[in-house]
C-alpha atoms as a PDB file:
ATOM      1  CA  MET A   1      34.231  24.893 -32.201  1.00  0.00           C
ATOM      2  CA  GLU A   2      30.717  23.594 -32.889  1.00  0.00           C
ATOM      3  CA  ALA A   3      31.814  20.148 -33.798  1.00  0.00           C
ATOM      4  CA  SER A   4      33.118  19.487 -30.438  1.00  0.00           C
ATOM      5  CA  VAL A   5      30.098  20.414 -28.452  1.00  0.00           C
ATOM      6  CA  PRO A   6      28.066  17.432 -30.081  1.00  0.00           C
ATOM      7  CA  THR A   7      30.960  15.439 -29.284  1.00  0.00           C
ATOM      8  CA  ARG A   8      31.137  16.395 -25.289  1.00  0.00           C
ATOM      9  CA  THR A   9      26.949  15.795 -25.259  1.00  0.00           C
ATOM     10  CA  ALA A  10      26.751  12.703 -27.215  1.00  0.00           C
ATOM     11  CA  PRO A  11      28.505  10.559 -24.565  1.00  0.00           C
ATOM     12  CA  ALA A  12      26.365  12.107 -21.690  1.00  0.00           C
ATOM     13  CA  SER A  13      23.175  11.455 -23.688  1.00  0.00           C
ATOM     14  CA  ALA A  14      23.970   7.761 -24.593  1.00  0.00           C
ATOM     15  CA  LEU A  15      24.762   7.559 -20.853  1.00  0.00           C
ATOM     16  CA  ALA A  16      21.582   8.796 -19.880  1.00  0.00           C
ATOM     17  CA  CYS A  17      19.890   6.332 -22.428  1.00  0.00           C
ATOM     18  CA  LEU A  18      21.370   3.665 -21.461  1.00  0.00           C
ATOM     19  CA  LEU A  19      20.744   4.346 -17.238  1.00  0.00           C
ATOM     20  CA  GLY A  20      17.358   4.752 -18.476  1.00  0.00           C
ATOM     21  CA  LEU A  21      17.158   1.401 -19.911  1.00  0.00           C
ATOM     22  CA  LEU A  22      18.572  -0.441 -17.278  1.00  0.00           C
ATOM     23  CA  THR A  23      16.326   1.085 -14.896  1.00  0.00           C
ATOM     24  CA  ALA A  24      13.110  -0.057 -16.923  1.00  0.00           C
ATOM     25  CA  GLY A  25      14.703  -3.339 -16.743  1.00  0.00           C
ATOM     26  CA  CYS A  26      15.242  -3.743 -13.060  1.00  0.00           C
ATOM     27  CA  SER A  27      12.040  -2.373 -12.290  1.00  0.00           C
ATOM     28  CA  GLU A  28      10.021  -5.462 -14.343  1.00  0.00           C
ATOM     29  CA  GLU A  29      12.257  -7.726 -12.609  1.00  0.00           C
ATOM     30  CA  LEU A  30      12.201  -6.512  -9.203  1.00  0.00           C
ATOM     31  CA  GLY A  31       8.760  -4.986  -9.439  1.00  0.00           C
ATOM     32  CA  ARG A  32       6.043  -5.671  -6.718  1.00  0.00           C
ATOM     33  CA  GLU A  33       5.056  -8.966  -6.847  1.00  0.00           C
ATOM     34  CA  ALA A  34       1.254  -9.694  -7.191  1.00  0.00           C
ATOM     35  CA  ILE A  35      -0.719 -10.522  -4.075  1.00  0.00           C
ATOM     36  CA  PRO A  36      -2.626 -13.301  -4.550  1.00  0.00           C
ATOM     37  CA  SER A  37      -6.457 -12.573  -4.406  1.00  0.00           C
ATOM     38  CA  THR A  38      -9.903 -14.285  -4.961  1.00  0.00           C
ATOM     39  CA  PRO A  39     -13.490 -13.066  -5.618  1.00  0.00           C
ATOM     40  CA  VAL A  40     -15.923 -13.564  -2.320  1.00  0.00           C
ATOM     41  CA  SER A  41     -19.376 -13.524  -1.904  1.00  0.00           C
ATOM     42  CA  GLY A  42     -21.641 -14.404   0.665  1.00  0.00           C
ATOM     43  CA  VAL A  43     -24.519 -13.386   2.987  1.00  0.00           C
ATOM     44  CA  VAL A  44     -24.932 -12.002   6.291  1.00  0.00           C
ATOM     45  CA  THR A  45     -27.629 -12.367   8.492  1.00  0.00           C
ATOM     46  CA  LEU A  46     -28.707 -11.926  12.468  1.00  0.00           C
ATOM     47  CA  ALA A  47     -30.415 -14.831  13.572  1.00  0.00           C
ATOM     48  CA  GLY A  48     -31.310 -16.295  10.316  1.00  0.00           C
ATOM     49  CA  LYS A  49     -32.715 -13.183   9.052  1.00  0.00           C
ATOM     50  CA  PRO A  50     -30.378 -11.030   6.591  1.00  0.00           C
ATOM     51  CA  LEU A  51     -28.860  -7.848   7.792  1.00  0.00           C
ATOM     52  CA  ASP A  52     -30.017  -5.052   5.044  1.00  0.00           C
ATOM     53  CA  ARG A  53     -27.329  -2.613   5.257  1.00  0.00           C
ATOM     54  CA  GLY A  54     -23.912  -1.802   6.617  1.00  0.00           C
ATOM     55  CA  TRP A  55     -20.408  -3.089   5.226  1.00  0.00           C
ATOM     56  CA  VAL A  56     -18.030  -6.369   5.576  1.00  0.00           C
ATOM     57  CA  GLU A  57     -14.600  -5.772   5.776  1.00  0.00           C
ATOM     58  CA  PHE A  58     -11.779  -9.131   5.210  1.00  0.00           C
ATOM     59  CA  GLN A  59      -8.324  -8.186   6.565  1.00  0.00           C
ATOM     60  CA  PRO A  60      -5.380 -10.378   6.081  1.00  0.00           C
ATOM     61  CA  LEU A  61      -4.529 -11.985   9.297  1.00  0.00           C
ATOM     62  CA  ASP A  62      -1.506 -14.704  10.755  1.00  0.00           C
ATOM     63  CA  GLY A  63       0.469 -14.387   7.840  1.00  0.00           C
ATOM     64  CA  THR A  64      -2.058 -13.738   5.096  1.00  0.00           C
ATOM     65  CA  LEU A  65      -0.649 -11.388   2.414  1.00  0.00           C
ATOM     66  CA  GLY A  66      -2.818  -8.415   1.095  1.00  0.00           C
ATOM     67  CA  ASP A  67      -4.811  -5.370   1.697  1.00  0.00           C
ATOM     68  CA  PRO A  68      -7.873  -5.070   3.282  1.00  0.00           C
ATOM     69  CA  THR A  69     -11.110  -5.358   1.471  1.00  0.00           C
ATOM     70  CA  SER A  70     -14.808  -4.324   1.619  1.00  0.00           C
ATOM     71  CA  ALA A  71     -18.132  -4.892   0.290  1.00  0.00           C
ATOM     72  CA  ARG A  72     -21.555  -3.332   0.755  1.00  0.00           C
ATOM     73  CA  ILE A  73     -24.242  -5.438   2.508  1.00  0.00           C
ATOM     74  CA  LYS A  74     -26.996  -5.435  -0.118  1.00  0.00           C
ATOM     75  CA  PRO A  75     -30.919  -5.206   1.473  1.00  0.00           C
ATOM     76  CA  ASP A  76     -30.962  -9.237   1.046  1.00  0.00           C
ATOM     77  CA  GLY A  77     -28.243  -9.765   3.027  1.00  0.00           C
ATOM     78  CA  SER A  78     -25.627 -10.453   0.473  1.00  0.00           C
ATOM     79  CA  PHE A  79     -22.389  -9.138  -0.392  1.00  0.00           C
ATOM     80  CA  THR A  80     -19.850  -9.376  -3.301  1.00  0.00           C
ATOM     81  CA  MET A  81     -16.287  -8.284  -3.496  1.00  0.00           C
ATOM     82  CA  PRO A  82     -13.745  -8.540  -6.535  1.00  0.00           C
ATOM     83  CA  ARG A  83     -11.058  -9.693  -4.600  1.00  0.00           C
ATOM     84  CA  ALA A  84     -10.263 -10.621  -1.217  1.00  0.00           C
ATOM     85  CA  PRO A  85      -6.867 -11.517   0.188  1.00  0.00           C
ATOM     86  CA  VAL A  86      -6.812 -15.495  -0.149  1.00  0.00           C
ATOM     87  CA  GLY A  87      -5.666 -17.223   2.992  1.00  0.00           C
ATOM     88  CA  LEU A  88      -7.223 -16.474   6.746  1.00  0.00           C
ATOM     89  CA  ASN A  89      -9.060 -13.213   7.348  1.00  0.00           C
ATOM     90  CA  ILE A  90     -10.287 -11.743   9.970  1.00  0.00           C
ATOM     91  CA  VAL A  91     -13.955 -10.355   9.020  1.00  0.00           C
ATOM     92  CA  ARG A  92     -15.277  -7.001  10.268  1.00  0.00           C
ATOM     93  CA  LEU A  93     -18.934  -5.618  10.468  1.00  0.00           C
ATOM     94  CA  VAL A  94     -19.591  -1.775   9.758  1.00  0.00           C
ATOM     95  CA  ASP A  95     -22.439   0.087  10.150  1.00  0.00           C
ATOM     96  CA  VAL A  96     -24.770  -2.742  10.475  1.00  0.00           C
ATOM     97  CA  PRO A  97     -28.367  -2.603  12.083  1.00  0.00           C
ATOM     98  CA  ILE A  98     -27.625  -4.684  15.798  1.00  0.00           C
ATOM     99  CA  ASP A  99     -29.323  -3.055  18.362  1.00  0.00           C
ATOM    100  CA  ASN A 100     -26.746  -3.985  21.223  1.00  0.00           C
ATOM    101  CA  PRO A 101     -23.939  -1.380  21.231  1.00  0.00           C
ATOM    102  CA  GLY A 102     -21.829  -4.172  22.541  1.00  0.00           C
ATOM    103  CA  ALA A 103     -22.256  -6.681  20.302  1.00  0.00           C
ATOM    104  CA  ILE A 104     -20.893  -4.122  17.216  1.00  0.00           C
ATOM    105  CA  TRP A 105     -18.099  -2.949  19.041  1.00  0.00           C
ATOM    106  CA  ARG A 106     -17.234  -6.821  19.646  1.00  0.00           C
ATOM    107  CA  LEU A 107     -17.620  -7.231  15.980  1.00  0.00           C
ATOM    108  CA  ARG A 108     -15.781  -4.204  14.632  1.00  0.00           C
ATOM    109  CA  ASN A 109     -12.419  -3.666  16.804  1.00  0.00           C
ATOM    110  CA  SER A 110     -12.135  -7.393  17.983  1.00  0.00           C
ATOM    111  CA  SER A 111     -14.052  -9.242  15.669  1.00  0.00           C
ATOM    112  CA  PRO A 112     -14.539 -12.959  16.663  1.00  0.00           C
ATOM    113  CA  ILE A 113     -15.146 -13.800  13.149  1.00  0.00           C
ATOM    114  CA  ARG A 114     -12.733 -15.681  10.740  1.00  0.00           C
ATOM    115  CA  ARG A 115     -12.906 -16.824   7.030  1.00  0.00           C
ATOM    116  CA  THR A 116     -10.664 -18.318   4.745  1.00  0.00           C
ATOM    117  CA  THR A 117     -10.978 -17.807   1.270  1.00  0.00           C
ATOM    118  CA  GLN A 118      -9.045 -19.715  -1.641  1.00  0.00           C
ATOM    119  CA  VAL A 119      -8.659 -19.861  -5.156  1.00  0.00           C
ATOM    120  CA  PRO A 120     -10.546 -21.093  -7.092  1.00  0.00           C
ATOM    121  CA  PRO A 121     -13.347 -19.354  -4.806  1.00  0.00           C
ATOM    122  CA  GLY A 122     -15.302 -21.610  -2.252  1.00  0.00           C
ATOM    123  CA  PRO A 123     -18.778 -21.403  -1.722  1.00  0.00           C
ATOM    124  CA  PRO A 124     -20.716 -18.150  -0.928  1.00  0.00           C
ATOM    125  CA  ILE A 125     -19.689 -17.581   2.738  1.00  0.00           C
ATOM    126  CA  ARG A 126     -22.241 -17.450   5.360  1.00  0.00           C
ATOM    127  CA  ILE A 127     -21.936 -15.307   8.371  1.00  0.00           C
ATOM    128  CA  ASP A 128     -24.665 -15.309  11.164  1.00  0.00           C
ATOM    129  CA  VAL A 129     -24.035 -12.559  13.861  1.00  0.00           C
ATOM    130  CA  MET A 130     -25.507 -14.119  16.541  1.00  0.00           C
ATOM    131  CA  GLU A 131     -23.752 -17.624  15.987  1.00  0.00           C
ATOM    132  CA  GLU A 132     -20.672 -15.505  16.023  1.00  0.00           C
ATOM    133  CA  LEU A 133     -21.231 -13.695  19.132  1.00  0.00           C
ATOM    134  CA  LEU A 134     -22.424 -17.166  20.953  1.00  0.00           C
ATOM    135  CA  ARG A 135     -19.199 -18.449  19.459  1.00  0.00           C
ATOM    136  CA  SER A 136     -17.315 -15.718  21.234  1.00  0.00           C
ATOM    137  CA  GLN A 137     -18.911 -16.219  24.554  1.00  0.00           C
ATOM    138  CA  ILE A 138     -17.914 -19.743  24.420  1.00  0.00           C
ATOM    139  CA  ASN A 139     -14.527 -18.901  23.397  1.00  0.00           C
ATOM    140  CA  PRO A 140     -13.421 -15.610  23.926  1.00  0.00           C
ATOM    141  CA  GLU A 141      -9.635 -16.253  22.651  1.00  0.00           C
ATOM    142  CA  ALA A 142     -11.519 -16.878  19.475  1.00  0.00           C
ATOM    143  CA  GLY A 143     -11.346 -13.340  18.331  1.00  0.00           C
ATOM    144  CA  ARG A 144      -8.152 -12.177  19.387  1.00  0.00           C
END
């Protein structure tokens, strides 16, 4: 009787191993595709003067693949993010020191700021909040 026990379990064990190998092979072949990203750096200013705190967020727009990314704005207005979605992005500014609450709402919720990132990385991105707000007043459809 003992000899028949391994005979019954051997096919089940072999089948489990085979399924495990097949599943592992499929996951490598059908796994998640790498989403292209690129390092991004730049500076955020208000009428030419560096903003000294807050966050910059890049959100993919119009078919650009990727996850939103963010970076802290340093005291000199600069920011660096190791990866941002490649392509067209909406740029939001969060918790930046701007006195006009209406302006910050516009930049955070329906930001008119757009930037295209690329591989290899391009030159540092320059964002002047005043220029972006003026541009959005001239062309209100730009931020939608």
